[in-house]
Amino acid sequence: MSDIEKKFHEFALKSILFKGRNDWYFCYLKSEKIAHVLVVLAEQSVLKDRGEAYKLALSAAELPQTIVHFAAGEVDPAVVVADIFSLLSKVRLAGTSGLIAKENIYILLNEYETVVERFSASIHPSPFTSSGDFAVPNIDAGQGPLSLGTEARGFDSKTLPDVELKDNLKRQSKGQKDTDISAISARTQKVLDVVISKKSSSIKDISAAVRGCSEKTIQRELAVLIERGLVKKVGERRWSVYMPI
């Protein structure tokens, strides 16, 4: 990779389109590369097939544009998936008609399948849990029965009993904030560290830094931090960011 290409990739990954979304940028680059390959195959095809081969290449060249507009929030994710499946069908037909050699068809299909799998995974995070979801507090050998109050370290607000939640609400209604950092879980602490270090972070920024967590999990952790008066939310919906207090 040349220095110019490296600089551009670094710029792209920090841009408003792809910041914190390496998977979307991967799909953009991969789809663009496939389109280039199809252009080369069209140029090498026999004269009578060249027109159809170029049509397929031009159709493939539209996918990177669709992904960019999706990243900008202008296109629904279903449209991107539909375009990829449409291209899969066109490539298969090109193989059946003999427009492209079967060996190349196999490679092209595999590459497009990689794109759709990567893109779908980025839209629908894996349902599997991480090791952090099973974390429990350390208990000394001589410690008595485990209490489920705030002294039970490692539990966030969503796992506390109703009594504890009511106490928190009462404190907040009186204008009091629970700022005891030691009472939050290790994963919540990681989220807080990212917010503090970046000063202003979106959920995508935080999920990119805290591995093994879905964006919904990050949202729940941020809700805990907001409740405890450690973080504040600025803005609405996809434009919202989180800042330390």
Protein backbone atom coordinates (compact mmCIF):
# COMPACT_ATOMS: atom_id res chain seq x y z
CA MET A 1 0.00 0.00 0.00
CA SER A 2 1.39 3.41 -0.97
CA ASP A 3 1.68 6.28 1.52
CA ILE A 4 -1.06 8.14 -0.38
CA GLU A 5 -3.46 5.19 -0.09
CA LYS A 6 -2.62 4.74 3.60
CA LYS A 7 -3.30 8.42 4.29
CA PHE A 8 -6.63 8.26 2.48
CA HIS A 9 -7.72 5.14 4.40
CA GLU A 10 -6.82 6.86 7.67
CA PHE A 11 -8.80 9.92 6.59
CA ALA A 12 -11.80 7.80 5.55
CA LEU A 13 -11.89 5.91 8.86
CA LYS A 14 -11.96 9.22 10.74
CA SER A 15 -14.56 10.80 8.46
CA ILE A 16 -18.18 11.39 9.44
CA LEU A 17 -19.19 8.49 7.17
CA PHE A 18 -17.01 5.69 8.53
CA LYS A 19 -15.75 6.82 11.94
CA GLY A 20 -16.09 3.86 14.27
CA ARG A 21 -17.53 1.69 11.45
CA ASN A 22 -14.61 -0.20 9.94
CA ASP A 23 -17.02 -2.88 8.73
CA TRP A 24 -18.89 -0.42 6.48
CA TYR A 25 -15.63 0.89 5.06
CA PHE A 26 -14.50 -2.69 4.41
CA CYS A 27 -17.71 -3.35 2.42
CA TYR A 28 -17.23 -0.12 0.48
CA LEU A 29 -13.64 -1.00 -0.50
CA LYS A 30 -14.45 -4.65 -1.26
CA SER A 31 -17.40 -3.77 -3.52
CA GLU A 32 -15.28 -1.19 -5.33
CA LYS A 33 -12.52 -3.76 -5.89
CA ILE A 34 -15.01 -6.28 -7.32
CA ALA A 35 -16.28 -3.63 -9.75
CA HIS A 36 -12.70 -2.98 -10.92
CA VAL A 37 -12.17 -6.71 -11.50
CA LEU A 38 -15.37 -6.91 -13.56
CA VAL A 39 -14.15 -4.02 -15.73
CA VAL A 40 -10.89 -5.90 -16.37
CA LEU A 41 -12.82 -9.07 -17.25
CA ALA A 42 -15.00 -7.04 -19.63
CA GLU A 43 -11.94 -5.65 -21.39
CA GLN A 44 -10.56 -9.17 -21.81
CA SER A 45 -13.82 -10.71 -23.05
CA VAL A 46 -14.51 -11.51 -26.72
CA LEU A 47 -15.90 -8.63 -28.74
CA LYS A 48 -19.45 -10.02 -29.03
CA ASP A 49 -19.77 -10.33 -25.21
CA ARG A 50 -18.01 -7.09 -24.28
CA GLY A 51 -21.16 -4.95 -24.18
CA GLU A 52 -22.95 -7.26 -21.70
CA ALA A 53 -19.80 -7.62 -19.62
CA TYR A 54 -19.49 -3.84 -19.30
CA LYS A 55 -23.16 -3.61 -18.24
CA LEU A 56 -22.45 -6.02 -15.40
CA ALA A 57 -19.38 -4.02 -14.38
CA LEU A 58 -21.35 -0.76 -14.37
CA SER A 59 -24.06 -2.37 -12.30
CA ALA A 60 -21.42 -3.54 -9.80
CA ALA A 61 -19.98 0.00 -9.68
CA GLU A 62 -23.26 1.27 -8.20
CA LEU A 63 -22.88 -0.77 -4.99
CA PRO A 64 -20.02 1.31 -3.46
CA GLN A 65 -22.16 4.41 -4.03
CA THR A 66 -25.12 2.77 -2.29
CA ILE A 67 -22.95 1.87 0.71
CA VAL A 68 -21.67 5.45 0.97
CA HIS A 69 -25.22 6.84 0.93
CA PHE A 70 -26.22 4.25 3.55
CA ALA A 71 -23.34 5.42 5.78
CA ALA A 72 -24.66 8.97 5.33
CA GLY A 73 -28.06 7.84 6.58
CA GLU A 74 -29.77 8.37 3.23
CA VAL A 75 -30.45 4.70 2.39
CA ASP A 76 -32.13 1.93 4.35
CA PRO A 77 -29.87 -1.09 5.09
CA ALA A 78 -32.37 -3.36 3.32
CA VAL A 79 -31.60 -1.50 0.07
CA VAL A 80 -27.89 -2.32 0.38
CA VAL A 81 -28.61 -6.01 1.03
CA ALA A 82 -31.08 -6.08 -1.89
CA ASP A 83 -28.45 -4.60 -4.23
CA ILE A 84 -25.89 -7.22 -3.18
CA PHE A 85 -28.33 -10.09 -3.75
CA SER A 86 -29.23 -8.59 -7.12
CA LEU A 87 -25.55 -8.60 -8.09
CA LEU A 88 -25.17 -12.19 -6.87
CA SER A 89 -27.99 -13.16 -9.24
CA LYS A 90 -26.44 -11.26 -12.17
CA VAL A 91 -23.05 -12.88 -11.61
CA ARG A 92 -24.63 -16.36 -11.52
CA LEU A 93 -26.45 -15.62 -14.79
CA ALA A 94 -23.17 -14.42 -16.32
CA GLY A 95 -21.68 -17.80 -15.46
CA THR A 96 -24.64 -19.73 -16.87
CA SER A 97 -24.51 -17.79 -20.15
CA GLY A 98 -20.75 -18.25 -20.47
CA LEU A 99 -20.11 -14.52 -20.27
CA ILE A 100 -17.58 -15.12 -17.46
CA ALA A 101 -15.54 -18.29 -16.89
CA LYS A 102 -16.87 -20.54 -14.12
CA GLU A 103 -13.59 -20.29 -12.17
CA ASN A 104 -14.01 -16.50 -12.03
CA ILE A 105 -17.70 -16.81 -11.18
CA TYR A 106 -16.83 -18.84 -8.09
CA ILE A 107 -14.37 -16.18 -6.90
CA LEU A 108 -16.80 -13.30 -7.59
CA LEU A 109 -19.66 -15.01 -5.76
CA ASN A 110 -17.43 -15.72 -2.78
CA GLU A 111 -16.36 -12.07 -2.63
CA TYR A 112 -19.94 -10.77 -2.78
CA GLU A 113 -21.02 -13.27 -0.12
CA THR A 114 -18.24 -11.91 2.10
CA VAL A 115 -19.62 -8.39 1.62
CA VAL A 116 -23.22 -9.30 2.45
CA GLU A 117 -22.17 -11.31 5.51
CA ARG A 118 -19.95 -8.51 6.83
CA PHE A 119 -22.60 -5.88 6.17
CA SER A 120 -25.41 -7.92 7.75
CA ALA A 121 -23.27 -8.59 10.83
CA SER A 122 -22.66 -4.85 11.22
CA ILE A 123 -26.40 -4.13 11.14
CA HIS A 124 -27.46 -7.07 13.34
CA PRO A 125 -24.79 -7.56 16.04
CA SER A 126 -24.00 -11.09 17.18
CA PRO A 127 -26.47 -12.34 19.83
CA PHE A 128 -23.70 -14.11 21.75
CA THR A 129 -22.68 -12.80 25.14
CA SER A 130 -19.21 -11.75 26.16
CA SER A 131 -17.23 -12.89 29.20
CA GLY A 132 -18.07 -9.56 30.85
CA ASP A 133 -21.73 -10.57 31.04
CA PHE A 134 -20.80 -13.33 33.50
CA ALA A 135 -18.65 -11.20 35.79
CA VAL A 136 -19.41 -11.53 39.52
CA PRO A 137 -17.89 -9.71 42.51
CA ASN A 138 -14.93 -11.18 44.36
CA ILE A 139 -15.94 -12.59 47.75
CA ASP A 140 -13.52 -13.01 50.67
CA ALA A 141 -13.51 -16.42 52.37
CA GLY A 142 -14.60 -14.91 55.70
CA GLN A 143 -17.31 -12.71 54.23
CA GLY A 144 -20.86 -13.22 55.38
CA PRO A 145 -23.94 -13.62 53.19
CA LEU A 146 -23.72 -11.61 49.97
CA SER A 147 -25.87 -8.49 49.99
CA LEU A 148 -27.52 -7.31 46.79
CA GLY A 149 -27.24 -3.62 47.70
CA THR A 150 -24.73 -1.16 46.24
CA GLU A 151 -21.93 -2.87 48.16
CA ALA A 152 -22.30 -5.90 45.85
CA ARG A 153 -19.66 -4.64 43.41
CA GLY A 154 -19.95 -5.64 39.78
CA PHE A 155 -23.73 -5.20 39.39
CA ASP A 156 -25.18 -2.33 37.40
CA SER A 157 -28.57 -0.70 38.02
CA LYS A 158 -30.54 -3.04 35.77
CA THR A 159 -29.59 -6.04 37.95
CA LEU A 160 -30.35 -4.45 41.32
CA PRO A 161 -33.54 -5.31 43.24
CA ASP A 162 -36.60 -3.07 42.99
CA VAL A 163 -35.86 -1.63 46.44
CA GLU A 164 -32.44 -0.38 45.33
CA LEU A 165 -33.88 1.13 42.15
CA LYS A 166 -36.54 2.95 44.19
CA ASP A 167 -33.84 4.33 46.51
CA ASN A 168 -31.92 5.64 43.50
CA LEU A 169 -35.04 7.32 42.15
CA LYS A 170 -35.73 8.90 45.53
CA ARG A 171 -32.21 10.33 45.68
CA GLN A 172 -32.55 11.75 42.17
CA SER A 173 -35.96 13.27 42.96
CA LYS A 174 -34.25 15.18 45.79
CA GLY A 175 -31.51 16.40 43.44
CA GLN A 176 -28.93 13.99 44.80
CA LYS A 177 -26.67 12.06 42.40
CA ASP A 178 -24.97 8.74 43.07
CA THR A 179 -21.38 9.45 42.06
CA ASP A 180 -19.79 6.42 43.70
CA ILE A 181 -17.66 5.10 40.81
CA SER A 182 -16.76 1.95 42.75
CA ALA A 183 -20.40 0.85 42.58
CA ILE A 184 -20.41 0.41 38.81
CA SER A 185 -19.43 -2.69 36.86
CA ALA A 186 -16.11 -3.23 35.10
CA ARG A 187 -17.79 -2.90 31.70
CA THR A 188 -19.50 0.33 32.72
CA GLN A 189 -16.11 1.63 33.88
CA LYS A 190 -14.67 0.88 30.43
CA VAL A 191 -17.47 2.90 28.81
CA LEU A 192 -16.83 5.76 31.25
CA ASP A 193 -13.09 5.69 30.49
CA VAL A 194 -13.79 6.04 26.75
CA VAL A 195 -16.18 8.95 27.30
CA ILE A 196 -13.65 10.73 29.53
CA SER A 197 -10.72 10.17 27.15
CA LYS A 198 -12.59 11.28 24.03
CA LYS A 199 -14.46 14.18 25.71
CA SER A 200 -17.33 13.75 23.21
CA SER A 201 -18.32 10.28 21.97
CA SER A 202 -21.13 8.73 19.96
CA ILE A 203 -22.40 5.22 20.73
CA LYS A 204 -20.56 3.99 17.62
CA ASP A 205 -17.30 5.49 18.93
CA ILE A 206 -17.73 3.75 22.27
CA SER A 207 -18.76 0.37 20.81
CA ALA A 208 -15.65 0.47 18.59
CA ALA A 209 -13.46 0.94 21.68
CA VAL A 210 -15.29 -1.47 24.01
CA ARG A 211 -15.09 -4.81 22.22
CA GLY A 212 -17.60 -7.62 22.66
CA CYS A 213 -20.58 -5.34 23.37
CA SER A 214 -23.53 -4.52 21.15
CA GLU A 215 -24.65 -0.93 20.76
CA LYS A 216 -27.77 -1.72 22.84
CA THR A 217 -25.52 -2.90 25.68
CA ILE A 218 -23.49 0.32 25.39
CA GLN A 219 -26.74 2.31 25.59
CA ARG A 220 -27.70 0.52 28.82
CA GLU A 221 -24.28 1.21 30.34
CA LEU A 222 -24.54 4.89 29.36
CA ALA A 223 -27.97 5.05 31.00
CA VAL A 224 -26.34 3.84 34.24
CA LEU A 225 -23.64 6.50 34.00
CA ILE A 226 -26.19 9.24 33.26
CA GLU A 227 -28.29 8.06 36.22
CA ARG A 228 -25.24 8.30 38.48
CA GLY A 229 -24.42 11.80 37.28
CA LEU A 230 -21.11 10.86 35.64
CA VAL A 231 -22.08 11.37 31.98
CA LYS A 232 -24.46 13.66 30.13
CA LYS A 233 -26.16 13.20 26.76
CA VAL A 234 -26.11 16.05 24.22
CA GLY A 235 -28.25 16.01 21.08
CA GLU A 236 -30.97 13.65 19.85
CA ARG A 237 -31.10 10.31 18.02
CA ARG A 238 -28.20 9.57 15.65
CA TRP A 239 -26.65 12.99 16.32
CA SER A 240 -26.44 12.49 20.09
CA VAL A 241 -23.07 12.38 21.82
CA TYR A 242 -22.02 11.61 25.39
CA MET A 243 -19.74 13.81 27.47
CA PRO A 244 -18.18 13.49 30.93
CA ILE A 245 -19.54 15.69 33.72
